[in-house]
Amino acid sequence: MGKGTERVSSEVFVDTVTLRKGIFNREVFSTGKVRSSESISLRFNTNGVVTNINVSNGDRVSKGDVIATLDRTVLSMELEAAANSLEKAELNLMDKLVGYGYMTDTASVPKDLLSVVKIQSGYKDALLHYKMALFAYESSVLKAPFSGVIANLSDLENESTSDIFCTLFNPDSLEVEFPLLESETEFMTIGTDAIVYPFSNPASIVKGSVKEINPIVDSKGQVWLKAKLLPPYKELLNGMSVKIALRKAYPDLYVVPKSAVVIRDGYNVVFLYDKESSTARWLYVDIVSSNTLEHVISGCIEKETSLPESGFVITSGNLNLADGVKVQIRKKNK
């Protein structure tokens, strides 16, 4: 243990934590994009002019809600004409069956004969045209396939439909897609803890875990992962860029707050509280690993020091401390 030459006569108030082994969460950081795991681009399956739009960007809709409707005037007439043609074809089909000695109950007609008669009577063609007209008529109404939020809506009423009418996404099922370097494989495990920070407000965090790993290294030496996020999502928006931290727990390590380690003579030092003399005694240490809040420490190899089996590490009031200075505990030891 090294000793400083400086002495301070007055007592210094400090905080301490118990020096003991615990769990250390190693971290790796990346940046990614927030995506909804349930998202779809909606479009009409037929062409036409939009007559009614029932939503705006940002509106929540429920499954089955009508989002917009096309002009159905021509489609309605085409459906009616197809229904009339189908009805005539059905009558013609019945007449031909009677000609073959069968009544109107088609269940008693041999399948091969019934298929031929349906073609001869025009019934098959009429049925197909009716189905096509019905499909076009029903496609003139755009409905929500699931509950979600409307986005990217750009079409206006009384204008022809564009390729994609709008986007629908579920804001309650967000995930983050992000890359890791191929050297960071220890974090590439399904279930690894993930913490997401919006760049706009790093204090607002959202928890999650790795749900998918694409097992290919790209041209930049990166592997792409997806993390499922746990609600509430607070300030996260679909498409937002975020910072993401992956955490992996390692047990049985000496973990101290970062504030416990200071620099003396160009070396890392922690101050231990000597209970008998009520003084601070410094100890050279090595930093083995670090995360946002904590260091993993060990004895200093160069100074040939080792950590005691027990004791109290000073975590505050230590920036200007010297070895052997009288201190007073401000808070109860944890």
C-alpha atoms as a PDB file:
ATOM      1  CA  MET A   1       0.000   0.000   0.000  1.00  0.00           C
ATOM      2  CA  GLY A   2       1.439   3.387  -0.995  1.00  0.00           C
ATOM      3  CA  LYS A   3       1.341   6.471   1.235  1.00  0.00           C
ATOM      4  CA  GLY A   4       0.901  10.112   0.310  1.00  0.00           C
ATOM      5  CA  THR A   5       2.828  12.898   1.996  1.00  0.00           C
ATOM      6  CA  GLU A   6      -0.080  15.332   2.289  1.00  0.00           C
ATOM      7  CA  ARG A   7      -2.023  15.520   5.599  1.00  0.00           C
ATOM      8  CA  VAL A   8      -5.307  17.334   6.200  1.00  0.00           C
ATOM      9  CA  SER A   9      -6.162  18.278   9.765  1.00  0.00           C
ATOM     10  CA  SER A  10      -9.925  18.542   9.448  1.00  0.00           C
ATOM     11  CA  GLU A  11     -12.166  15.504   8.968  1.00  0.00           C
ATOM     12  CA  VAL A  12     -13.675  14.771   5.598  1.00  0.00           C
ATOM     13  CA  PHE A  13     -17.171  13.323   5.184  1.00  0.00           C
ATOM     14  CA  VAL A  14     -17.354  10.393   2.798  1.00  0.00           C
ATOM     15  CA  ASP A  15     -19.716   7.689   1.553  1.00  0.00           C
ATOM     16  CA  THR A  16     -18.729   4.025   1.371  1.00  0.00           C
ATOM     17  CA  VAL A  17     -19.818   0.692  -0.070  1.00  0.00           C
ATOM     18  CA  THR A  18     -18.837  -2.759   1.092  1.00  0.00           C
ATOM     19  CA  LEU A  19     -16.021  -4.327  -0.911  1.00  0.00           C
ATOM     20  CA  ARG A  20     -17.309  -7.697  -2.034  1.00  0.00           C
ATOM     21  CA  LYS A  21     -17.740  -9.811  -5.119  1.00  0.00           C
ATOM     22  CA  GLY A  22     -20.902  -9.400  -7.157  1.00  0.00           C
ATOM     23  CA  ILE A  23     -22.405  -9.459 -10.633  1.00  0.00           C
ATOM     24  CA  PHE A  24     -20.900  -7.229 -13.314  1.00  0.00           C
ATOM     25  CA  ASN A  25     -22.882  -6.311 -16.406  1.00  0.00           C
ATOM     26  CA  ARG A  26     -20.496  -5.982 -19.317  1.00  0.00           C
ATOM     27  CA  GLU A  27     -21.808  -3.644 -22.020  1.00  0.00           C
ATOM     28  CA  VAL A  28     -21.419  -3.094 -25.724  1.00  0.00           C
ATOM     29  CA  PHE A  29     -22.998  -0.176 -27.578  1.00  0.00           C
ATOM     30  CA  SER A  30     -24.472   0.244 -31.031  1.00  0.00           C
ATOM     31  CA  THR A  31     -26.944   2.421 -32.894  1.00  0.00           C
ATOM     32  CA  GLY A  32     -30.065   1.181 -34.585  1.00  0.00           C
ATOM     33  CA  LYS A  33     -33.511   1.931 -35.941  1.00  0.00           C
ATOM     34  CA  VAL A  34     -36.817   1.423 -34.194  1.00  0.00           C
ATOM     35  CA  ARG A  35     -39.236  -0.649 -36.251  1.00  0.00           C
ATOM     36  CA  SER A  36     -42.683  -2.047 -35.670  1.00  0.00           C
ATOM     37  CA  SER A  37     -42.650  -5.825 -35.920  1.00  0.00           C
ATOM     38  CA  GLU A  38     -46.182  -5.567 -37.350  1.00  0.00           C
ATOM     39  CA  SER A  39     -46.228  -3.148 -40.275  1.00  0.00           C
ATOM     40  CA  ILE A  40     -47.781  -3.208 -43.754  1.00  0.00           C
ATOM     41  CA  SER A  41     -48.116  -0.949 -46.786  1.00  0.00           C
ATOM     42  CA  LEU A  42     -51.796  -0.734 -47.745  1.00  0.00           C
ATOM     43  CA  ARG A  43     -53.086  -0.286 -51.281  1.00  0.00           C
ATOM     44  CA  PHE A  44     -56.312  -0.758 -53.210  1.00  0.00           C
ATOM     45  CA  ASN A  45     -56.470  -3.904 -55.341  1.00  0.00           C
ATOM     46  CA  THR A  46     -58.312  -2.002 -58.047  1.00  0.00           C
ATOM     47  CA  ASN A  47     -57.953   1.384 -59.731  1.00  0.00           C
ATOM     48  CA  GLY A  48     -60.308   4.273 -59.178  1.00  0.00           C
ATOM     49  CA  VAL A  49     -60.903   7.704 -57.706  1.00  0.00           C
ATOM     50  CA  VAL A  50     -60.901   8.134 -53.919  1.00  0.00           C
ATOM     51  CA  THR A  51     -64.245   9.472 -52.712  1.00  0.00           C
ATOM     52  CA  ASN A  52     -63.892   9.078 -48.934  1.00  0.00           C
ATOM     53  CA  ILE A  53     -60.877   9.089 -46.609  1.00  0.00           C
ATOM     54  CA  ASN A  54     -61.828   8.353 -43.020  1.00  0.00           C
ATOM     55  CA  VAL A  55     -58.414   8.708 -41.347  1.00  0.00           C
ATOM     56  CA  SER A  56     -55.430  11.010 -41.015  1.00  0.00           C
ATOM     57  CA  ASN A  57     -51.781  10.354 -40.278  1.00  0.00           C
ATOM     58  CA  GLY A  58     -51.358   9.354 -36.655  1.00  0.00           C
ATOM     59  CA  ASP A  59     -54.919   8.059 -36.226  1.00  0.00           C
ATOM     60  CA  ARG A  60     -55.440   4.765 -34.415  1.00  0.00           C
ATOM     61  CA  VAL A  61     -57.727   2.295 -36.146  1.00  0.00           C
ATOM     62  CA  SER A  62     -59.146  -1.074 -35.149  1.00  0.00           C
ATOM     63  CA  LYS A  63     -59.072  -4.230 -37.237  1.00  0.00           C
ATOM     64  CA  GLY A  64     -61.780  -4.040 -39.923  1.00  0.00           C
ATOM     65  CA  ASP A  65     -62.182  -0.241 -39.799  1.00  0.00           C
ATOM     66  CA  VAL A  66     -62.766   1.380 -43.210  1.00  0.00           C
ATOM     67  CA  ILE A  67     -59.785   3.556 -44.072  1.00  0.00           C
ATOM     68  CA  ALA A  68     -60.909   4.846 -47.476  1.00  0.00           C
ATOM     69  CA  THR A  69     -63.360   4.142 -50.297  1.00  0.00           C
ATOM     70  CA  LEU A  70     -63.180   4.486 -54.086  1.00  0.00           C
ATOM     71  CA  ASP A  71     -65.947   5.690 -56.394  1.00  0.00           C
ATOM     72  CA  ARG A  72     -68.115   2.568 -56.757  1.00  0.00           C
ATOM     73  CA  THR A  73     -70.569   3.793 -59.437  1.00  0.00           C
ATOM     74  CA  VAL A  74     -69.100   1.878 -62.388  1.00  0.00           C
ATOM     75  CA  LEU A  75     -68.050  -1.054 -60.205  1.00  0.00           C
ATOM     76  CA  SER A  76     -71.604  -1.395 -58.919  1.00  0.00           C
ATOM     77  CA  MET A  77     -73.023  -1.474 -62.452  1.00  0.00           C
ATOM     78  CA  GLU A  78     -70.407  -4.025 -63.556  1.00  0.00           C
ATOM     79  CA  LEU A  79     -71.281  -6.220 -60.589  1.00  0.00           C
ATOM     80  CA  GLU A  80     -74.987  -5.993 -61.385  1.00  0.00           C
ATOM     81  CA  ALA A  81     -74.371  -6.855 -65.040  1.00  0.00           C
ATOM     82  CA  ALA A  82     -72.211  -9.840 -64.034  1.00  0.00           C
ATOM     83  CA  ALA A  83     -74.941 -11.033 -61.626  1.00  0.00           C
ATOM     84  CA  ASN A  84     -77.543 -10.844 -64.433  1.00  0.00           C
ATOM     85  CA  SER A  85     -75.294 -12.801 -66.795  1.00  0.00           C
ATOM     86  CA  LEU A  86     -74.734 -15.426 -64.127  1.00  0.00           C
ATOM     87  CA  GLU A  87     -78.477 -15.756 -63.555  1.00  0.00           C
ATOM     88  CA  LYS A  88     -79.094 -16.267 -67.284  1.00  0.00           C
ATOM     89  CA  ALA A  89     -76.300 -18.845 -67.426  1.00  0.00           C
ATOM     90  CA  GLU A  90     -77.859 -20.724 -64.503  1.00  0.00           C
ATOM     91  CA  LEU A  91     -81.215 -20.904 -66.367  1.00  0.00           C
ATOM     92  CA  ASN A  92     -79.461 -22.152 -69.495  1.00  0.00           C
ATOM     93  CA  LEU A  93     -77.643 -24.748 -67.381  1.00  0.00           C
ATOM     94  CA  MET A  94     -80.936 -26.025 -65.950  1.00  0.00           C
ATOM     95  CA  ASP A  95     -82.505 -26.258 -69.446  1.00  0.00           C
ATOM     96  CA  LYS A  96     -79.609 -28.339 -70.737  1.00  0.00           C
ATOM     97  CA  LEU A  97     -79.733 -30.668 -67.715  1.00  0.00           C
ATOM     98  CA  VAL A  98     -83.440 -31.218 -68.332  1.00  0.00           C
ATOM     99  CA  GLY A  99     -82.546 -32.037 -71.944  1.00  0.00           C
ATOM    100  CA  TYR A 100     -80.258 -34.765 -70.661  1.00  0.00           C
ATOM    101  CA  GLY A 101     -83.067 -36.156 -68.518  1.00  0.00           C
ATOM    102  CA  TYR A 102     -82.033 -34.690 -65.187  1.00  0.00           C
ATOM    103  CA  MET A 103     -83.993 -32.445 -62.872  1.00  0.00           C
ATOM    104  CA  THR A 104     -82.611 -29.207 -61.423  1.00  0.00           C
ATOM    105  CA  ASP A 105     -80.871 -31.047 -58.565  1.00  0.00           C
ATOM    106  CA  THR A 106     -77.279 -31.142 -59.815  1.00  0.00           C
ATOM    107  CA  ALA A 107     -76.251 -33.575 -57.043  1.00  0.00           C
ATOM    108  CA  SER A 108     -77.585 -36.513 -59.123  1.00  0.00           C
ATOM    109  CA  VAL A 109     -75.723 -35.459 -62.295  1.00  0.00           C
ATOM    110  CA  PRO A 110     -72.440 -37.292 -63.029  1.00  0.00           C
ATOM    111  CA  LYS A 111     -69.461 -34.989 -62.459  1.00  0.00           C
ATOM    112  CA  ASP A 112     -68.059 -35.344 -65.976  1.00  0.00           C
ATOM    113  CA  LEU A 113     -71.407 -34.540 -67.590  1.00  0.00           C
ATOM    114  CA  LEU A 114     -72.054 -31.612 -65.216  1.00  0.00           C
ATOM    115  CA  SER A 115     -68.672 -30.109 -66.064  1.00  0.00           C
ATOM    116  CA  VAL A 116     -69.389 -30.311 -69.802  1.00  0.00           C
ATOM    117  CA  VAL A 117     -72.873 -28.801 -69.430  1.00  0.00           C
ATOM    118  CA  LYS A 118     -71.527 -25.909 -67.336  1.00  0.00           C
ATOM    119  CA  ILE A 119     -69.164 -25.063 -70.186  1.00  0.00           C
ATOM    120  CA  GLN A 120     -71.813 -25.469 -72.914  1.00  0.00           C
ATOM    121  CA  SER A 121     -74.289 -23.259 -71.038  1.00  0.00           C
ATOM    122  CA  GLY A 122     -71.708 -20.494 -70.401  1.00  0.00           C
ATOM    123  CA  TYR A 123     -72.161 -20.953 -66.670  1.00  0.00           C
ATOM    124  CA  LYS A 124     -68.416 -21.284 -65.913  1.00  0.00           C
ATOM    125  CA  ASP A 125     -67.523 -18.092 -67.769  1.00  0.00           C
ATOM    126  CA  ALA A 126     -70.426 -16.183 -66.197  1.00  0.00           C
ATOM    127  CA  LEU A 127     -69.431 -17.352 -62.689  1.00  0.00           C
ATOM    128  CA  LEU A 128     -65.819 -16.278 -63.246  1.00  0.00           C
ATOM    129  CA  HIS A 129     -66.866 -12.823 -64.496  1.00  0.00           C
ATOM    130  CA  TYR A 130     -69.161 -12.426 -61.488  1.00  0.00           C
ATOM    131  CA  LYS A 131     -66.349 -13.318 -59.059  1.00  0.00           C
ATOM    132  CA  MET A 132     -64.049 -10.826 -60.759  1.00  0.00           C
ATOM    133  CA  ALA A 133     -66.686  -8.067 -60.592  1.00  0.00           C
ATOM    134  CA  LEU A 134     -67.394  -8.857 -56.932  1.00  0.00           C
ATOM    135  CA  PHE A 135     -63.671  -8.778 -56.110  1.00  0.00           C
ATOM    136  CA  ALA A 136     -63.275  -5.380 -57.799  1.00  0.00           C
ATOM    137  CA  TYR A 137     -66.331  -4.022 -55.956  1.00  0.00           C
ATOM    138  CA  GLU A 138     -65.151  -5.233 -52.562  1.00  0.00           C
ATOM    139  CA  SER A 139     -61.596  -4.014 -53.268  1.00  0.00           C
ATOM    140  CA  SER A 140     -62.908  -0.469 -53.593  1.00  0.00           C
ATOM    141  CA  VAL A 141     -63.096  -0.386 -49.785  1.00  0.00           C
ATOM    142  CA  LEU A 142     -59.754  -0.335 -47.976  1.00  0.00           C
ATOM    143  CA  LYS A 143     -59.958  -1.844 -44.478  1.00  0.00           C
ATOM    144  CA  ALA A 144     -57.443  -2.181 -41.657  1.00  0.00           C
ATOM    145  CA  PRO A 145     -56.144  -5.789 -41.509  1.00  0.00           C
ATOM    146  CA  PHE A 146     -55.139  -5.291 -37.870  1.00  0.00           C
ATOM    147  CA  SER A 147     -55.318  -2.604 -35.184  1.00  0.00           C
ATOM    148  CA  GLY A 148     -52.648   0.058 -35.437  1.00  0.00           C
ATOM    149  CA  VAL A 149     -51.664   3.599 -36.416  1.00  0.00           C
ATOM    150  CA  ILE A 150     -51.920   5.229 -39.845  1.00  0.00           C
ATOM    151  CA  ALA A 151     -48.763   6.730 -41.400  1.00  0.00           C
ATOM    152  CA  ASN A 152     -47.475   7.954 -44.790  1.00  0.00           C
ATOM    153  CA  LEU A 153     -50.983   8.866 -45.966  1.00  0.00           C
ATOM    154  CA  SER A 154     -50.605  11.162 -48.967  1.00  0.00           C
ATOM    155  CA  ASP A 155     -53.600  10.600 -51.262  1.00  0.00           C
ATOM    156  CA  LEU A 156     -56.440  13.122 -51.357  1.00  0.00           C
ATOM    157  CA  GLU A 157     -60.138  12.733 -51.994  1.00  0.00           C
ATOM    158  CA  ASN A 158     -61.258  12.979 -55.650  1.00  0.00           C
ATOM    159  CA  GLU A 159     -57.803  11.913 -56.838  1.00  0.00           C
ATOM    160  CA  SER A 160     -56.804   8.634 -58.457  1.00  0.00           C
ATOM    161  CA  THR A 161     -55.196   6.081 -56.178  1.00  0.00           C
ATOM    162  CA  SER A 162     -51.416   5.854 -55.994  1.00  0.00           C
ATOM    163  CA  ASP A 163     -49.423   2.647 -55.745  1.00  0.00           C
ATOM    164  CA  ILE A 164     -49.323   2.652 -51.916  1.00  0.00           C
ATOM    165  CA  PHE A 165     -52.165   4.455 -50.169  1.00  0.00           C
ATOM    166  CA  CYS A 166     -50.773   4.467 -46.605  1.00  0.00           C
ATOM    167  CA  THR A 167     -48.830   2.493 -44.018  1.00  0.00           C
ATOM    168  CA  LEU A 168     -50.353   0.747 -41.020  1.00  0.00           C
ATOM    169  CA  PHE A 169     -48.186  -0.289 -38.084  1.00  0.00           C
ATOM    170  CA  ASN A 170     -48.726  -1.559 -34.574  1.00  0.00           C
ATOM    171  CA  PRO A 171     -47.116   0.920 -32.127  1.00  0.00           C
ATOM    172  CA  ASP A 172     -47.390  -1.630 -29.327  1.00  0.00           C
ATOM    173  CA  SER A 173     -44.924  -4.102 -30.868  1.00  0.00           C
ATOM    174  CA  LEU A 174     -41.693  -2.172 -31.411  1.00  0.00           C
ATOM    175  CA  GLU A 175     -38.250  -3.655 -31.987  1.00  0.00           C
ATOM    176  CA  VAL A 176     -34.787  -2.312 -32.798  1.00  0.00           C
ATOM    177  CA  GLU A 177     -32.552  -3.478 -35.636  1.00  0.00           C
ATOM    178  CA  PHE A 178     -28.839  -2.838 -35.077  1.00  0.00           C
ATOM    179  CA  PRO A 179     -25.346  -4.154 -35.982  1.00  0.00           C
ATOM    180  CA  LEU A 180     -22.534  -5.580 -33.846  1.00  0.00           C
ATOM    181  CA  LEU A 181     -18.943  -6.230 -34.865  1.00  0.00           C
ATOM    182  CA  GLU A 182     -18.081  -9.855 -35.491  1.00  0.00           C
ATOM    183  CA  SER A 183     -15.609  -9.618 -32.569  1.00  0.00           C
ATOM    184  CA  GLU A 184     -18.518  -8.996 -30.178  1.00  0.00           C
ATOM    185  CA  THR A 185     -19.924 -12.508 -30.522  1.00  0.00           C
ATOM    186  CA  GLU A 186     -20.324 -12.961 -26.753  1.00  0.00           C
ATOM    187  CA  PHE A 187     -23.326 -10.632 -26.932  1.00  0.00           C
ATOM    188  CA  MET A 188     -24.882 -12.442 -29.896  1.00  0.00           C
ATOM    189  CA  THR A 189     -27.163 -14.656 -27.843  1.00  0.00           C
ATOM    190  CA  ILE A 190     -30.950 -14.820 -27.947  1.00  0.00           C
ATOM    191  CA  GLY A 191     -32.279 -13.284 -24.741  1.00  0.00           C
ATOM    192  CA  THR A 192     -29.316 -10.962 -24.066  1.00  0.00           C
ATOM    193  CA  ASP A 193     -30.543  -7.890 -22.159  1.00  0.00           C
ATOM    194  CA  ALA A 194     -30.870  -4.709 -24.225  1.00  0.00           C
ATOM    195  CA  ILE A 195     -31.355  -1.104 -23.131  1.00  0.00           C
ATOM    196  CA  VAL A 196     -32.490   1.507 -25.686  1.00  0.00           C
ATOM    197  CA  TYR A 197     -31.846   5.249 -25.322  1.00  0.00           C
ATOM    198  CA  PRO A 198     -33.466   7.837 -27.641  1.00  0.00           C
ATOM    199  CA  PHE A 199     -30.864  10.367 -28.808  1.00  0.00           C
ATOM    200  CA  SER A 200     -33.389  13.118 -28.055  1.00  0.00           C
ATOM    201  CA  ASN A 201     -33.563  12.121 -24.371  1.00  0.00           C
ATOM    202  CA  PRO A 202     -30.874   9.679 -23.127  1.00  0.00           C
ATOM    203  CA  ALA A 203     -32.500   9.666 -19.677  1.00  0.00           C
ATOM    204  CA  SER A 204     -35.573   7.930 -21.136  1.00  0.00           C
ATOM    205  CA  ILE A 205     -34.716   4.234 -21.375  1.00  0.00           C
ATOM    206  CA  VAL A 206     -36.649   1.245 -22.706  1.00  0.00           C
ATOM    207  CA  LYS A 207     -35.742  -2.329 -21.811  1.00  0.00           C
ATOM    208  CA  GLY A 208     -35.747  -5.295 -24.156  1.00  0.00           C
ATOM    209  CA  SER A 209     -33.866  -8.413 -25.209  1.00  0.00           C
ATOM    210  CA  VAL A 210     -32.279  -9.878 -28.344  1.00  0.00           C
ATOM    211  CA  LYS A 211     -34.895 -11.840 -30.324  1.00  0.00           C
ATOM    212  CA  GLU A 212     -33.190 -12.504 -33.682  1.00  0.00           C
ATOM    213  CA  ILE A 213     -29.646 -12.811 -35.046  1.00  0.00           C
ATOM    214  CA  ASN A 214     -28.887 -12.829 -38.761  1.00  0.00           C
ATOM    215  CA  PRO A 215     -26.062 -15.426 -38.979  1.00  0.00           C
ATOM    216  CA  ILE A 216     -24.134 -13.625 -41.738  1.00  0.00           C
ATOM    217  CA  VAL A 217     -21.232 -11.172 -41.465  1.00  0.00           C
ATOM    218  CA  ASP A 218     -21.686  -8.321 -43.961  1.00  0.00           C
ATOM    219  CA  SER A 219     -18.993  -6.519 -45.971  1.00  0.00           C
ATOM    220  CA  LYS A 220     -18.348  -4.163 -43.027  1.00  0.00           C
ATOM    221  CA  GLY A 221     -17.642  -6.995 -40.621  1.00  0.00           C
ATOM    222  CA  GLN A 222     -20.995  -6.576 -38.880  1.00  0.00           C
ATOM    223  CA  VAL A 223     -23.717  -8.956 -37.791  1.00  0.00           C
ATOM    224  CA  TRP A 224     -27.280  -7.614 -37.655  1.00  0.00           C
ATOM    225  CA  LEU A 225     -29.551  -8.312 -34.687  1.00  0.00           C
ATOM    226  CA  LYS A 226     -33.089  -7.447 -33.616  1.00  0.00           C
ATOM    227  CA  ALA A 227     -34.164  -6.717 -30.052  1.00  0.00           C
ATOM    228  CA  LYS A 228     -37.770  -6.891 -28.903  1.00  0.00           C
ATOM    229  CA  LEU A 229     -38.716  -3.927 -26.705  1.00  0.00           C
ATOM    230  CA  LEU A 230     -40.914  -4.029 -23.625  1.00  0.00           C
ATOM    231  CA  PRO A 231     -43.656  -1.386 -23.247  1.00  0.00           C
ATOM    232  CA  PRO A 232     -44.136   1.345 -22.269  1.00  0.00           C
ATOM    233  CA  TYR A 233     -42.176   2.847 -25.148  1.00  0.00           C
ATOM    234  CA  LYS A 234     -42.325   6.417 -23.846  1.00  0.00           C
ATOM    235  CA  GLU A 235     -40.668   8.634 -26.489  1.00  0.00           C
ATOM    236  CA  LEU A 236     -39.852   6.005 -29.126  1.00  0.00           C
ATOM    237  CA  LEU A 237     -41.326   6.417 -32.605  1.00  0.00           C
ATOM    238  CA  ASN A 238     -41.358   4.041 -35.553  1.00  0.00           C
ATOM    239  CA  GLY A 239     -38.255   4.761 -37.666  1.00  0.00           C
ATOM    240  CA  MET A 240     -36.395   6.633 -34.908  1.00  0.00           C
ATOM    241  CA  SER A 241     -32.604   6.295 -34.565  1.00  0.00           C
ATOM    242  CA  VAL A 242     -31.576   5.153 -31.091  1.00  0.00           C
ATOM    243  CA  LYS A 243     -28.556   4.112 -29.057  1.00  0.00           C
ATOM    244  CA  ILE A 244     -28.655   0.559 -27.774  1.00  0.00           C
ATOM    245  CA  ALA A 245     -26.631  -1.108 -25.030  1.00  0.00           C
ATOM    246  CA  LEU A 246     -26.404  -4.875 -24.715  1.00  0.00           C
ATOM    247  CA  ARG A 247     -25.612  -6.233 -21.256  1.00  0.00           C
ATOM    248  CA  LYS A 248     -24.210  -9.608 -20.269  1.00  0.00           C
ATOM    249  CA  ALA A 249     -23.884 -10.566 -16.610  1.00  0.00           C
ATOM    250  CA  TYR A 250     -20.633 -11.991 -15.192  1.00  0.00           C
ATOM    251  CA  PRO A 251     -20.663 -13.183 -11.562  1.00  0.00           C
ATOM    252  CA  ASP A 252     -18.014 -13.351  -8.803  1.00  0.00           C
ATOM    253  CA  LEU A 253     -16.133 -10.133  -9.600  1.00  0.00           C
ATOM    254  CA  TYR A 254     -15.112  -7.179  -7.438  1.00  0.00           C
ATOM    255  CA  VAL A 255     -17.414  -4.419  -8.658  1.00  0.00           C
ATOM    256  CA  VAL A 256     -17.255  -0.805  -7.429  1.00  0.00           C
ATOM    257  CA  PRO A 257     -18.900   2.439  -8.589  1.00  0.00           C
ATOM    258  CA  LYS A 258     -16.778   4.437 -11.009  1.00  0.00           C
ATOM    259  CA  SER A 259     -16.633   7.221  -8.465  1.00  0.00           C
ATOM    260  CA  ALA A 260     -14.609   4.935  -6.162  1.00  0.00           C
ATOM    261  CA  VAL A 261     -11.562   4.930  -8.467  1.00  0.00           C
ATOM    262  CA  VAL A 262      -9.284   7.994  -8.654  1.00  0.00           C
ATOM    263  CA  ILE A 263      -5.835   8.667 -10.104  1.00  0.00           C
ATOM    264  CA  ARG A 264      -2.721   8.998  -7.923  1.00  0.00           C
ATOM    265  CA  ASP A 265       0.835   9.115  -9.310  1.00  0.00           C
ATOM    266  CA  GLY A 266      -0.529   8.004 -12.685  1.00  0.00           C
ATOM    267  CA  TYR A 267      -2.106   4.844 -11.239  1.00  0.00           C
ATOM    268  CA  ASN A 268      -5.661   3.841 -10.412  1.00  0.00           C
ATOM    269  CA  VAL A 269      -6.359   4.021  -6.700  1.00  0.00           C
ATOM    270  CA  VAL A 270      -9.253   3.207  -4.374  1.00  0.00           C
ATOM    271  CA  PHE A 271      -9.467   4.491  -0.814  1.00  0.00           C
ATOM    272  CA  LEU A 272     -10.359   1.950   1.848  1.00  0.00           C
ATOM    273  CA  TYR A 273     -11.873   3.044   5.112  1.00  0.00           C
ATOM    274  CA  ASP A 274      -9.817   1.918   8.127  1.00  0.00           C
ATOM    275  CA  LYS A 275     -12.377   1.401  10.843  1.00  0.00           C
ATOM    276  CA  GLU A 276      -9.901   1.287  13.731  1.00  0.00           C
ATOM    277  CA  SER A 277      -8.184   4.592  12.928  1.00  0.00           C
ATOM    278  CA  SER A 278     -11.129   6.215  11.061  1.00  0.00           C
ATOM    279  CA  THR A 279      -8.763   7.065   8.214  1.00  0.00           C
ATOM    280  CA  ALA A 280      -8.661   6.641   4.448  1.00  0.00           C
ATOM    281  CA  ARG A 281      -5.931   4.324   3.169  1.00  0.00           C
ATOM    282  CA  TRP A 282      -5.216   4.158  -0.509  1.00  0.00           C
ATOM    283  CA  LEU A 283      -4.661   1.004  -2.522  1.00  0.00           C
ATOM    284  CA  TYR A 284      -3.328   0.721  -6.056  1.00  0.00           C
ATOM    285  CA  VAL A 285      -5.691  -1.289  -8.287  1.00  0.00           C
ATOM    286  CA  ASP A 286      -6.100  -2.330 -11.904  1.00  0.00           C
ATOM    287  CA  ILE A 287      -9.354  -1.784 -13.794  1.00  0.00           C
ATOM    288  CA  VAL A 288     -10.253  -5.099 -15.412  1.00  0.00           C
ATOM    289  CA  SER A 289     -13.438  -3.971 -17.183  1.00  0.00           C
ATOM    290  CA  SER A 290     -15.956  -1.143 -17.125  1.00  0.00           C
ATOM    291  CA  ASN A 291     -19.526  -0.316 -18.008  1.00  0.00           C
ATOM    292  CA  THR A 292     -21.505   2.914 -17.809  1.00  0.00           C
ATOM    293  CA  LEU A 293     -21.635   3.014 -14.007  1.00  0.00           C
ATOM    294  CA  GLU A 294     -19.120   0.534 -12.618  1.00  0.00           C
ATOM    295  CA  HIS A 295     -15.546  -0.785 -12.709  1.00  0.00           C
ATOM    296  CA  VAL A 296     -14.329  -4.310 -12.129  1.00  0.00           C
ATOM    297  CA  ILE A 297     -11.125  -4.003 -10.088  1.00  0.00           C
ATOM    298  CA  SER A 298      -8.289  -6.263  -8.997  1.00  0.00           C
ATOM    299  CA  GLY A 299      -4.972  -5.783  -7.254  1.00  0.00           C
ATOM    300  CA  CYS A 300      -2.386  -3.788  -9.197  1.00  0.00           C
ATOM    301  CA  ILE A 301       0.058  -6.135 -10.934  1.00  0.00           C
ATOM    302  CA  GLU A 302       2.802  -3.519 -11.302  1.00  0.00           C
ATOM    303  CA  LYS A 303       2.553  -2.386  -7.672  1.00  0.00           C
ATOM    304  CA  GLU A 304       2.061  -5.975  -6.466  1.00  0.00           C
ATOM    305  CA  THR A 305      -1.037  -5.169  -4.419  1.00  0.00           C
ATOM    306  CA  SER A 306      -4.058  -7.331  -3.726  1.00  0.00           C
ATOM    307  CA  LEU A 307      -7.611  -6.657  -2.644  1.00  0.00           C
ATOM    308  CA  PRO A 308      -8.556  -7.426   0.961  1.00  0.00           C
ATOM    309  CA  GLU A 309     -11.161 -10.093   1.584  1.00  0.00           C
ATOM    310  CA  SER A 310     -13.472  -7.519   3.160  1.00  0.00           C
ATOM    311  CA  GLY A 311     -13.647  -3.798   3.861  1.00  0.00           C
ATOM    312  CA  PHE A 312     -15.298  -0.555   2.882  1.00  0.00           C
ATOM    313  CA  VAL A 313     -14.488   1.408  -0.289  1.00  0.00           C
ATOM    314  CA  ILE A 314     -14.901   5.184  -0.230  1.00  0.00           C
ATOM    315  CA  THR A 315     -17.118   6.375  -3.094  1.00  0.00           C
ATOM    316  CA  SER A 316     -17.353  10.128  -2.510  1.00  0.00           C
ATOM    317  CA  GLY A 317     -15.194  12.902  -1.108  1.00  0.00           C
ATOM    318  CA  ASN A 318     -12.147  11.073  -2.435  1.00  0.00           C
ATOM    319  CA  LEU A 319     -10.986  13.392  -5.231  1.00  0.00           C
ATOM    320  CA  ASN A 320      -8.603  15.297  -2.967  1.00  0.00           C
ATOM    321  CA  LEU A 321      -7.981  12.644  -0.323  1.00  0.00           C
ATOM    322  CA  ALA A 322      -4.490  11.638   0.743  1.00  0.00           C
ATOM    323  CA  ASP A 323      -3.386   8.472   2.453  1.00  0.00           C
ATOM    324  CA  GLY A 324      -3.998   8.492   6.202  1.00  0.00           C
ATOM    325  CA  VAL A 325      -6.493  11.364   6.266  1.00  0.00           C
ATOM    326  CA  LYS A 326      -9.151  11.252   8.988  1.00  0.00           C
ATOM    327  CA  VAL A 327     -12.619  10.722   7.499  1.00  0.00           C
ATOM    328  CA  GLN A 328     -16.139  10.404   8.815  1.00  0.00           C
ATOM    329  CA  ILE A 329     -18.813   8.182   7.281  1.00  0.00           C
ATOM    330  CA  ARG A 330     -21.724  10.245   6.082  1.00  0.00           C
ATOM    331  CA  LYS A 331     -24.085   7.402   5.328  1.00  0.00           C
ATOM    332  CA  LYS A 332     -24.643   3.926   6.664  1.00  0.00           C
ATOM    333  CA  ASN A 333     -22.471   1.316   4.950  1.00  0.00           C
ATOM    334  CA  LYS A 334     -24.272  -0.665   2.293  1.00  0.00           C
END
